Amino acid sequence: MSTQIHPTAYIEDGAALGDGVIVGPFCHIGPHARIGANSVLMTHSVVTGHTELGEGCVLHPHAVLGGVPQVIGFESTPDSRLVVGENCVFREYATAHSGMPKFGGLTVIGNNCFVMIGAHIAHDNHIGNNVVMANNVSLAGHITVGDNVWFGGLAAVHQFSRIGRNAFIGGGAIVVEDVIPFGSVVGNHAKLSGLNMVGLKRRGFSKADIRDIRAAYKAIFLGDGLFKDRLEQASQDYAENPLAMEIITFIREGDRPICKPG
């Protein structure tokens, strides 16, 4: 399938387009952009900066990828990059910015992500696979998001936060602390409301897996005594359980507060 470019589109010299790419009216593709095969850029969408877009991606009208970080005084540089995986969808007015060189200079978005209207991925974020961001979700800089995370509309996440895989962020949540894998958080400021049971079932976790995750969750967050003591005890009680230890390791590896039940 040959590449199709609308005559009103502006593609700067140096841009690389894979086979089967479709570029709609009034799109702009910068000189350092790389567009994967069979991707579609709808009218007025933009790919700028040093940006790599994987195969099969779709940009809806006015989506913008590769803009420079929203940092006062920052100027575009080849060391500021954005890499997007395959089969990602960016709906109207969604944005993703490139990274800052002093922090590695790279923003990464995994495969099969769905970024809805007006959602924003800031500089130096590392987004996993199969992440869904509903309308107007806002991620500040330096955030790590695991695979299969769902964000409800209007949620916002503080810079340098970590969101574990298969977590759920409720609509309108203001997240200022790290969210454990499999957790579900709601509110302003967001509090841990339990486990993402719907997400775990959708992802095919067995009843035994869910039982183990729930037991570890209760031991860590709902038991008696100090949190650090419960965490240590859980690390001993569940040492042979990989899913429980994933939560415990996530908590231990962070240097920011962990989102806990309200």
C-alpha atoms as a PDB file:
ATOM      1  CA  MET A   1       0.000   0.000   0.000  1.00  0.00           C
ATOM      2  CA  SER A   2       1.473   3.330  -1.017  1.00  0.00           C
ATOM      3  CA  THR A   3       1.723   6.406   1.149  1.00  0.00           C
ATOM      4  CA  GLN A   4      -1.095   8.929   0.732  1.00  0.00           C
ATOM      5  CA  ILE A   5      -0.409  12.616   1.404  1.00  0.00           C
ATOM      6  CA  HIS A   6      -3.048  15.312   1.063  1.00  0.00           C
ATOM      7  CA  PRO A   7      -1.817  18.254  -1.017  1.00  0.00           C
ATOM      8  CA  THR A   8      -2.409  20.707   1.841  1.00  0.00           C
ATOM      9  CA  ALA A   9      -0.208  18.759   4.285  1.00  0.00           C
ATOM     10  CA  TYR A  10       3.243  20.211   5.086  1.00  0.00           C
ATOM     11  CA  ILE A  11       5.964  17.596   5.363  1.00  0.00           C
ATOM     12  CA  GLU A  12       9.402  19.050   5.951  1.00  0.00           C
ATOM     13  CA  ASP A  13      12.531  17.739   4.258  1.00  0.00           C
ATOM     14  CA  GLY A  14      14.114  14.961   6.279  1.00  0.00           C
ATOM     15  CA  ALA A  15      10.880  13.441   7.610  1.00  0.00           C
ATOM     16  CA  ALA A  16      10.584   9.678   7.093  1.00  0.00           C
ATOM     17  CA  LEU A  17       7.222   8.058   6.371  1.00  0.00           C
ATOM     18  CA  GLY A  18       6.724   4.290   6.307  1.00  0.00           C
ATOM     19  CA  ASP A  19       4.745   2.408   3.713  1.00  0.00           C
ATOM     20  CA  GLY A  20       1.011   2.903   3.792  1.00  0.00           C
ATOM     21  CA  VAL A  21       1.052   6.086   5.908  1.00  0.00           C
ATOM     22  CA  ILE A  22      -1.940   8.364   5.335  1.00  0.00           C
ATOM     23  CA  VAL A  23      -1.492  12.096   5.959  1.00  0.00           C
ATOM     24  CA  GLY A  24      -4.672  14.166   5.948  1.00  0.00           C
ATOM     25  CA  PRO A  25      -5.379  17.830   5.170  1.00  0.00           C
ATOM     26  CA  PHE A  26      -3.312  20.548   6.885  1.00  0.00           C
ATOM     27  CA  CYS A  27      -1.112  18.146   8.856  1.00  0.00           C
ATOM     28  CA  HIS A  28       2.444  19.140   9.769  1.00  0.00           C
ATOM     29  CA  ILE A  29       5.318  16.659  10.024  1.00  0.00           C
ATOM     30  CA  GLY A  30       8.674  18.037  11.163  1.00  0.00           C
ATOM     31  CA  PRO A  31      12.072  17.262   9.592  1.00  0.00           C
ATOM     32  CA  HIS A  32      13.169  14.831  12.310  1.00  0.00           C
ATOM     33  CA  ALA A  33       9.930  12.864  12.603  1.00  0.00           C
ATOM     34  CA  ARG A  34       9.726   9.155  11.824  1.00  0.00           C
ATOM     35  CA  ILE A  35       6.245   7.811  11.088  1.00  0.00           C
ATOM     36  CA  GLY A  36       5.705   4.043  11.200  1.00  0.00           C
ATOM     37  CA  ALA A  37       4.020   2.072   8.440  1.00  0.00           C
ATOM     38  CA  ASN A  38       0.225   2.195   8.114  1.00  0.00           C
ATOM     39  CA  SER A  39      -0.143   5.076  10.543  1.00  0.00           C
ATOM     40  CA  VAL A  40      -2.867   7.649   9.956  1.00  0.00           C
ATOM     41  CA  LEU A  41      -2.628  11.384  10.611  1.00  0.00           C
ATOM     42  CA  MET A  42      -6.039  12.998  10.412  1.00  0.00           C
ATOM     43  CA  THR A  43      -6.604  16.635   9.534  1.00  0.00           C
ATOM     44  CA  HIS A  44      -4.525  19.243  11.420  1.00  0.00           C
ATOM     45  CA  SER A  45      -2.536  16.709  13.456  1.00  0.00           C
ATOM     46  CA  VAL A  46       1.150  17.431  14.110  1.00  0.00           C
ATOM     47  CA  VAL A  47       4.279  15.331  14.647  1.00  0.00           C
ATOM     48  CA  THR A  48       7.231  17.553  15.472  1.00  0.00           C
ATOM     49  CA  GLY A  49      10.628  17.389  17.164  1.00  0.00           C
ATOM     50  CA  HIS A  50      12.736  14.243  17.279  1.00  0.00           C
ATOM     51  CA  THR A  51       9.797  11.876  17.392  1.00  0.00           C
ATOM     52  CA  GLU A  52       9.432   8.226  16.423  1.00  0.00           C
ATOM     53  CA  LEU A  53       5.933   6.914  15.863  1.00  0.00           C
ATOM     54  CA  GLY A  54       5.426   3.144  15.637  1.00  0.00           C
ATOM     55  CA  GLU A  55       3.417   1.255  13.064  1.00  0.00           C
ATOM     56  CA  GLY A  56      -0.358   1.469  12.929  1.00  0.00           C
ATOM     57  CA  CYS A  57      -0.789   4.597  15.060  1.00  0.00           C
ATOM     58  CA  VAL A  58      -3.712   6.984  14.575  1.00  0.00           C
ATOM     59  CA  LEU A  59      -3.699  10.728  15.313  1.00  0.00           C
ATOM     60  CA  HIS A  60      -7.095  12.389  15.346  1.00  0.00           C
ATOM     61  CA  PRO A  61      -7.570  16.079  14.465  1.00  0.00           C
ATOM     62  CA  HIS A  62      -5.294  18.510  16.334  1.00  0.00           C
ATOM     63  CA  ALA A  63      -3.337  15.844  18.212  1.00  0.00           C
ATOM     64  CA  VAL A  64       0.258  17.046  18.701  1.00  0.00           C
ATOM     65  CA  LEU A  65       3.217  14.742  19.369  1.00  0.00           C
ATOM     66  CA  GLY A  66       6.807  15.755  20.065  1.00  0.00           C
ATOM     67  CA  GLY A  67       6.409  19.286  21.377  1.00  0.00           C
ATOM     68  CA  VAL A  68       9.186  20.555  23.618  1.00  0.00           C
ATOM     69  CA  PRO A  69       8.763  20.251  27.402  1.00  0.00           C
ATOM     70  CA  GLN A  70       6.709  22.941  29.131  1.00  0.00           C
ATOM     71  CA  VAL A  71       9.741  24.260  30.961  1.00  0.00           C
ATOM     72  CA  ILE A  72      10.485  27.989  30.886  1.00  0.00           C
ATOM     73  CA  GLY A  73      13.492  28.722  28.722  1.00  0.00           C
ATOM     74  CA  PHE A  74      13.772  25.233  27.243  1.00  0.00           C
ATOM     75  CA  GLU A  75      14.776  25.162  23.578  1.00  0.00           C
ATOM     76  CA  SER A  76      14.479  22.323  21.099  1.00  0.00           C
ATOM     77  CA  THR A  77      17.488  20.000  20.876  1.00  0.00           C
ATOM     78  CA  PRO A  78      18.244  16.644  19.195  1.00  0.00           C
ATOM     79  CA  ASP A  79      18.719  15.204  22.687  1.00  0.00           C
ATOM     80  CA  SER A  80      15.043  15.797  23.463  1.00  0.00           C
ATOM     81  CA  ARG A  81      13.080  12.852  22.066  1.00  0.00           C
ATOM     82  CA  LEU A  82       9.705  11.119  22.055  1.00  0.00           C
ATOM     83  CA  VAL A  83       9.280   7.440  21.152  1.00  0.00           C
ATOM     84  CA  VAL A  84       5.784   6.004  20.676  1.00  0.00           C
ATOM     85  CA  GLY A  85       5.083   2.302  20.219  1.00  0.00           C
ATOM     86  CA  GLU A  86       2.757   0.544  17.800  1.00  0.00           C
ATOM     87  CA  ASN A  87      -1.022   0.803  17.413  1.00  0.00           C
ATOM     88  CA  CYS A  88      -1.461   3.819  19.662  1.00  0.00           C
ATOM     89  CA  VAL A  89      -4.438   6.137  19.272  1.00  0.00           C
ATOM     90  CA  PHE A  90      -4.344   9.841  20.151  1.00  0.00           C
ATOM     91  CA  ARG A  91      -7.737  11.484  20.056  1.00  0.00           C
ATOM     92  CA  GLU A  92      -8.507  15.145  19.417  1.00  0.00           C
ATOM     93  CA  TYR A  93      -6.123  17.640  21.092  1.00  0.00           C
ATOM     94  CA  ALA A  94      -4.138  14.932  22.883  1.00  0.00           C
ATOM     95  CA  THR A  95      -0.477  15.895  23.424  1.00  0.00           C
ATOM     96  CA  ALA A  96       2.802  14.188  24.306  1.00  0.00           C
ATOM     97  CA  HIS A  97       6.079  16.064  24.861  1.00  0.00           C
ATOM     98  CA  SER A  98       9.690  15.064  24.365  1.00  0.00           C
ATOM     99  CA  GLY A  99      12.142  14.573  27.244  1.00  0.00           C
ATOM    100  CA  MET A 100      14.681  16.845  28.916  1.00  0.00           C
ATOM    101  CA  PRO A 101      18.339  15.974  28.187  1.00  0.00           C
ATOM    102  CA  LYS A 102      19.526  16.365  31.779  1.00  0.00           C
ATOM    103  CA  PHE A 103      17.081  13.601  32.751  1.00  0.00           C
ATOM    104  CA  GLY A 104      17.894  11.321  29.817  1.00  0.00           C
ATOM    105  CA  GLY A 105      15.970  13.273  27.213  1.00  0.00           C
ATOM    106  CA  LEU A 106      13.418  10.579  26.432  1.00  0.00           C
ATOM    107  CA  THR A 107       9.652  10.270  26.771  1.00  0.00           C
ATOM    108  CA  VAL A 108       8.395   6.769  25.992  1.00  0.00           C
ATOM    109  CA  ILE A 109       4.871   5.546  25.274  1.00  0.00           C
ATOM    110  CA  GLY A 110       4.341   1.794  24.856  1.00  0.00           C
ATOM    111  CA  ASN A 111       2.209  -0.210  22.444  1.00  0.00           C
ATOM    112  CA  ASN A 112      -1.587  -0.197  22.131  1.00  0.00           C
ATOM    113  CA  CYS A 113      -2.167   2.908  24.240  1.00  0.00           C
ATOM    114  CA  PHE A 114      -5.384   4.897  23.905  1.00  0.00           C
ATOM    115  CA  VAL A 115      -5.087   8.588  24.760  1.00  0.00           C
ATOM    116  CA  MET A 116      -8.447  10.346  24.674  1.00  0.00           C
ATOM    117  CA  ILE A 117      -9.472  13.942  24.004  1.00  0.00           C
ATOM    118  CA  GLY A 118      -7.287  16.608  25.565  1.00  0.00           C
ATOM    119  CA  ALA A 119      -5.121  14.200  27.585  1.00  0.00           C
ATOM    120  CA  HIS A 120      -1.500  15.228  28.161  1.00  0.00           C
ATOM    121  CA  ILE A 121       1.708  13.213  28.609  1.00  0.00           C
ATOM    122  CA  ALA A 122       4.502  15.482  29.834  1.00  0.00           C
ATOM    123  CA  HIS A 123       8.260  15.265  29.390  1.00  0.00           C
ATOM    124  CA  ASP A 124      10.273  12.259  30.578  1.00  0.00           C
ATOM    125  CA  ASN A 125       7.252  10.089  31.217  1.00  0.00           C
ATOM    126  CA  HIS A 126       7.621   6.357  30.698  1.00  0.00           C
ATOM    127  CA  ILE A 127       4.247   4.877  29.811  1.00  0.00           C
ATOM    128  CA  GLY A 128       3.734   1.113  29.551  1.00  0.00           C
ATOM    129  CA  ASN A 129       1.642  -0.933  27.127  1.00  0.00           C
ATOM    130  CA  ASN A 130      -2.155  -0.955  26.910  1.00  0.00           C
ATOM    131  CA  VAL A 131      -2.560   2.227  28.948  1.00  0.00           C
ATOM    132  CA  VAL A 132      -5.870   4.070  28.624  1.00  0.00           C
ATOM    133  CA  MET A 133      -6.194   7.765  29.456  1.00  0.00           C
ATOM    134  CA  ALA A 134      -9.717   9.189  29.371  1.00  0.00           C
ATOM    135  CA  ASN A 135     -10.563  12.779  28.477  1.00  0.00           C
ATOM    136  CA  ASN A 136      -8.352  15.537  29.901  1.00  0.00           C
ATOM    137  CA  VAL A 137      -6.113  13.331  32.011  1.00  0.00           C
ATOM    138  CA  SER A 138      -2.931  15.251  32.851  1.00  0.00           C
ATOM    139  CA  LEU A 139       0.395  13.605  33.651  1.00  0.00           C
ATOM    140  CA  ALA A 140       3.156  15.899  34.928  1.00  0.00           C
ATOM    141  CA  GLY A 141       6.820  15.192  34.164  1.00  0.00           C
ATOM    142  CA  HIS A 142       8.950  12.180  35.129  1.00  0.00           C
ATOM    143  CA  ILE A 143       6.041   9.807  35.769  1.00  0.00           C
ATOM    144  CA  THR A 144       6.302   6.038  35.336  1.00  0.00           C
ATOM    145  CA  VAL A 145       3.122   4.171  34.414  1.00  0.00           C
ATOM    146  CA  GLY A 146       3.005   0.367  34.275  1.00  0.00           C
ATOM    147  CA  ASP A 147       1.158  -1.792  31.757  1.00  0.00           C
ATOM    148  CA  ASN A 148      -2.642  -1.938  31.616  1.00  0.00           C
ATOM    149  CA  VAL A 149      -3.290   1.158  33.737  1.00  0.00           C
ATOM    150  CA  TRP A 150      -6.614   2.957  33.241  1.00  0.00           C
ATOM    151  CA  PHE A 151      -7.105   6.638  34.030  1.00  0.00           C
ATOM    152  CA  GLY A 152     -10.585   8.078  34.496  1.00  0.00           C
ATOM    153  CA  GLY A 153     -11.391  11.470  32.998  1.00  0.00           C
ATOM    154  CA  LEU A 154      -9.864  14.633  34.505  1.00  0.00           C
ATOM    155  CA  ALA A 155      -7.402  12.710  36.684  1.00  0.00           C
ATOM    156  CA  ALA A 156      -4.061  14.408  37.325  1.00  0.00           C
ATOM    157  CA  VAL A 157      -0.780  12.933  38.547  1.00  0.00           C
ATOM    158  CA  HIS A 158       2.050  14.738  40.381  1.00  0.00           C
ATOM    159  CA  GLN A 159       5.535  14.759  38.867  1.00  0.00           C
ATOM    160  CA  PHE A 160       7.916  11.878  39.684  1.00  0.00           C
ATOM    161  CA  SER A 161       5.021   9.622  40.693  1.00  0.00           C
ATOM    162  CA  ARG A 162       4.906   5.901  39.944  1.00  0.00           C
ATOM    163  CA  ILE A 163       1.753   4.047  38.932  1.00  0.00           C
ATOM    164  CA  GLY A 164       2.046   0.253  39.159  1.00  0.00           C
ATOM    165  CA  ARG A 165       0.735  -2.084  36.480  1.00  0.00           C
ATOM    166  CA  ASN A 166      -2.976  -2.913  36.317  1.00  0.00           C
ATOM    167  CA  ALA A 167      -3.860   0.014  38.578  1.00  0.00           C
ATOM    168  CA  PHE A 168      -7.004   2.097  38.158  1.00  0.00           C
ATOM    169  CA  ILE A 169      -7.063   5.873  38.688  1.00  0.00           C
ATOM    170  CA  GLY A 170     -10.591   7.122  39.275  1.00  0.00           C
ATOM    171  CA  GLY A 171     -12.104  10.029  37.387  1.00  0.00           C
ATOM    172  CA  GLY A 172     -11.096  13.394  38.829  1.00  0.00           C
ATOM    173  CA  ALA A 173      -8.485  11.872  41.128  1.00  0.00           C
ATOM    174  CA  ILE A 174      -5.540  14.077  42.097  1.00  0.00           C
ATOM    175  CA  VAL A 175      -2.656  11.667  42.613  1.00  0.00           C
ATOM    176  CA  VAL A 176       0.245  12.988  44.694  1.00  0.00           C
ATOM    177  CA  GLU A 177       1.606   9.644  45.960  1.00  0.00           C
ATOM    178  CA  ASP A 178       2.727   6.423  44.295  1.00  0.00           C
ATOM    179  CA  VAL A 179       0.008   3.883  43.431  1.00  0.00           C
ATOM    180  CA  ILE A 180       0.711   0.193  44.011  1.00  0.00           C
ATOM    181  CA  PRO A 181       0.296  -2.425  41.260  1.00  0.00           C
ATOM    182  CA  PHE A 182      -3.331  -3.656  41.072  1.00  0.00           C
ATOM    183  CA  GLY A 183      -4.516  -0.741  43.243  1.00  0.00           C
ATOM    184  CA  SER A 184      -7.545   1.497  42.737  1.00  0.00           C
ATOM    185  CA  VAL A 185      -7.431   5.123  43.889  1.00  0.00           C
ATOM    186  CA  VAL A 186     -10.039   7.877  44.024  1.00  0.00           C
ATOM    187  CA  GLY A 187     -10.429  11.389  45.342  1.00  0.00           C
ATOM    188  CA  ASN A 188      -8.582  14.670  45.886  1.00  0.00           C
ATOM    189  CA  HIS A 189      -6.017  13.992  47.168  1.00  0.00           C
ATOM    190  CA  ALA A 190      -6.348  10.423  45.938  1.00  0.00           C
ATOM    191  CA  LYS A 191      -6.600   7.615  48.482  1.00  0.00           C
ATOM    192  CA  LEU A 192      -6.330   3.895  47.941  1.00  0.00           C
ATOM    193  CA  SER A 193      -9.869   2.529  47.783  1.00  0.00           C
ATOM    194  CA  GLY A 194      -8.985  -1.125  47.276  1.00  0.00           C
ATOM    195  CA  LEU A 195      -7.870  -3.281  44.369  1.00  0.00           C
ATOM    196  CA  ASN A 196      -8.674  -2.873  40.692  1.00  0.00           C
ATOM    197  CA  MET A 197     -10.880  -5.973  40.686  1.00  0.00           C
ATOM    198  CA  VAL A 198     -12.536  -5.192  37.354  1.00  0.00           C
ATOM    199  CA  GLY A 199      -9.168  -4.715  35.666  1.00  0.00           C
ATOM    200  CA  LEU A 200      -7.728  -7.900  37.168  1.00  0.00           C
ATOM    201  CA  LYS A 201     -10.668  -9.971  35.936  1.00  0.00           C
ATOM    202  CA  ARG A 202     -10.523  -8.396  32.486  1.00  0.00           C
ATOM    203  CA  ARG A 203      -6.831  -9.202  32.253  1.00  0.00           C
ATOM    204  CA  GLY A 204      -7.429 -12.853  33.026  1.00  0.00           C
ATOM    205  CA  PHE A 205      -6.032 -13.088  36.537  1.00  0.00           C
ATOM    206  CA  SER A 206      -7.214 -16.348  38.091  1.00  0.00           C
ATOM    207  CA  LYS A 207      -9.360 -16.561  41.207  1.00  0.00           C
ATOM    208  CA  ALA A 208      -6.320 -17.877  43.062  1.00  0.00           C
ATOM    209  CA  ASP A 209      -4.202 -14.922  41.893  1.00  0.00           C
ATOM    210  CA  ILE A 210      -6.854 -12.448  42.970  1.00  0.00           C
ATOM    211  CA  ARG A 211      -7.212 -14.191  46.327  1.00  0.00           C
ATOM    212  CA  ASP A 212      -3.465 -13.926  46.920  1.00  0.00           C
ATOM    213  CA  ILE A 213      -3.330 -10.277  45.889  1.00  0.00           C
ATOM    214  CA  ARG A 214      -6.285  -9.460  48.167  1.00  0.00           C
ATOM    215  CA  ALA A 215      -4.721 -11.263  51.119  1.00  0.00           C
ATOM    216  CA  ALA A 216      -1.432  -9.401  50.699  1.00  0.00           C
ATOM    217  CA  TYR A 217      -3.282  -6.096  50.316  1.00  0.00           C
ATOM    218  CA  LYS A 218      -5.152  -6.647  53.596  1.00  0.00           C
ATOM    219  CA  ALA A 219      -1.983  -7.638  55.401  1.00  0.00           C
ATOM    220  CA  ILE A 220      -0.096  -4.560  54.221  1.00  0.00           C
ATOM    221  CA  PHE A 221      -2.759  -1.880  54.414  1.00  0.00           C
ATOM    222  CA  LEU A 222      -5.472  -3.055  56.821  1.00  0.00           C
ATOM    223  CA  GLY A 223      -3.664  -4.923  59.591  1.00  0.00           C
ATOM    224  CA  ASP A 224      -2.752  -3.782  63.083  1.00  0.00           C
ATOM    225  CA  GLY A 225       0.423  -1.924  64.028  1.00  0.00           C
ATOM    226  CA  LEU A 226       2.731   0.347  62.070  1.00  0.00           C
ATOM    227  CA  PHE A 227       2.790   0.278  58.291  1.00  0.00           C
ATOM    228  CA  LYS A 228       6.512  -0.544  58.138  1.00  0.00           C
ATOM    229  CA  ASP A 229       6.022  -3.474  60.478  1.00  0.00           C
ATOM    230  CA  ARG A 230       3.066  -4.830  58.503  1.00  0.00           C
ATOM    231  CA  LEU A 231       5.109  -4.511  55.294  1.00  0.00           C
ATOM    232  CA  GLU A 232       8.016  -6.419  56.822  1.00  0.00           C
ATOM    233  CA  GLN A 233       5.729  -9.149  58.116  1.00  0.00           C
ATOM    234  CA  ALA A 234       4.004  -9.442  54.752  1.00  0.00           C
ATOM    235  CA  SER A 235       7.377  -9.772  53.020  1.00  0.00           C
ATOM    236  CA  GLN A 236       8.033 -12.835  55.172  1.00  0.00           C
ATOM    237  CA  ASP A 237       4.547 -14.327  54.960  1.00  0.00           C
ATOM    238  CA  TYR A 238       4.311 -13.924  51.181  1.00  0.00           C
ATOM    239  CA  ALA A 239       7.942 -14.442  50.203  1.00  0.00           C
ATOM    240  CA  GLU A 240       6.971 -17.278  47.855  1.00  0.00           C
ATOM    241  CA  ASN A 241       4.115 -15.390  46.196  1.00  0.00           C
ATOM    242  CA  PRO A 242       5.274 -13.385  43.135  1.00  0.00           C
ATOM    243  CA  LEU A 243       2.193 -11.157  42.894  1.00  0.00           C
ATOM    244  CA  ALA A 244       2.267 -10.227  46.562  1.00  0.00           C
ATOM    245  CA  MET A 245       5.992  -9.598  46.368  1.00  0.00           C
ATOM    246  CA  GLU A 246       5.443  -7.361  43.336  1.00  0.00           C
ATOM    247  CA  ILE A 247       3.419  -5.006  45.544  1.00  0.00           C
ATOM    248  CA  ILE A 248       5.938  -5.215  48.390  1.00  0.00           C
ATOM    249  CA  THR A 249       8.913  -4.632  46.096  1.00  0.00           C
ATOM    250  CA  PHE A 250       7.156  -1.687  44.451  1.00  0.00           C
ATOM    251  CA  ILE A 251       6.652  -0.053  47.850  1.00  0.00           C
ATOM    252  CA  ARG A 252      10.220  -0.691  48.969  1.00  0.00           C
ATOM    253  CA  GLU A 253      11.806   0.619  45.770  1.00  0.00           C
ATOM    254  CA  GLY A 254      10.105   4.014  45.836  1.00  0.00           C
ATOM    255  CA  ASP A 255      11.402   7.174  47.437  1.00  0.00           C
ATOM    256  CA  ARG A 256       8.007   8.916  47.522  1.00  0.00           C
ATOM    257  CA  PRO A 257       5.012   8.306  49.801  1.00  0.00           C
ATOM    258  CA  ILE A 258       2.669   5.463  48.874  1.00  0.00           C
ATOM    259  CA  CYS A 259      -1.025   6.110  48.383  1.00  0.00           C
ATOM    260  CA  LYS A 260      -2.833   4.425  51.320  1.00  0.00           C
ATOM    261  CA  PRO A 261      -6.488   3.949  52.283  1.00  0.00           C
ATOM    262  CA  GLY A 262      -8.179   7.071  53.604  1.00  0.00           C
END
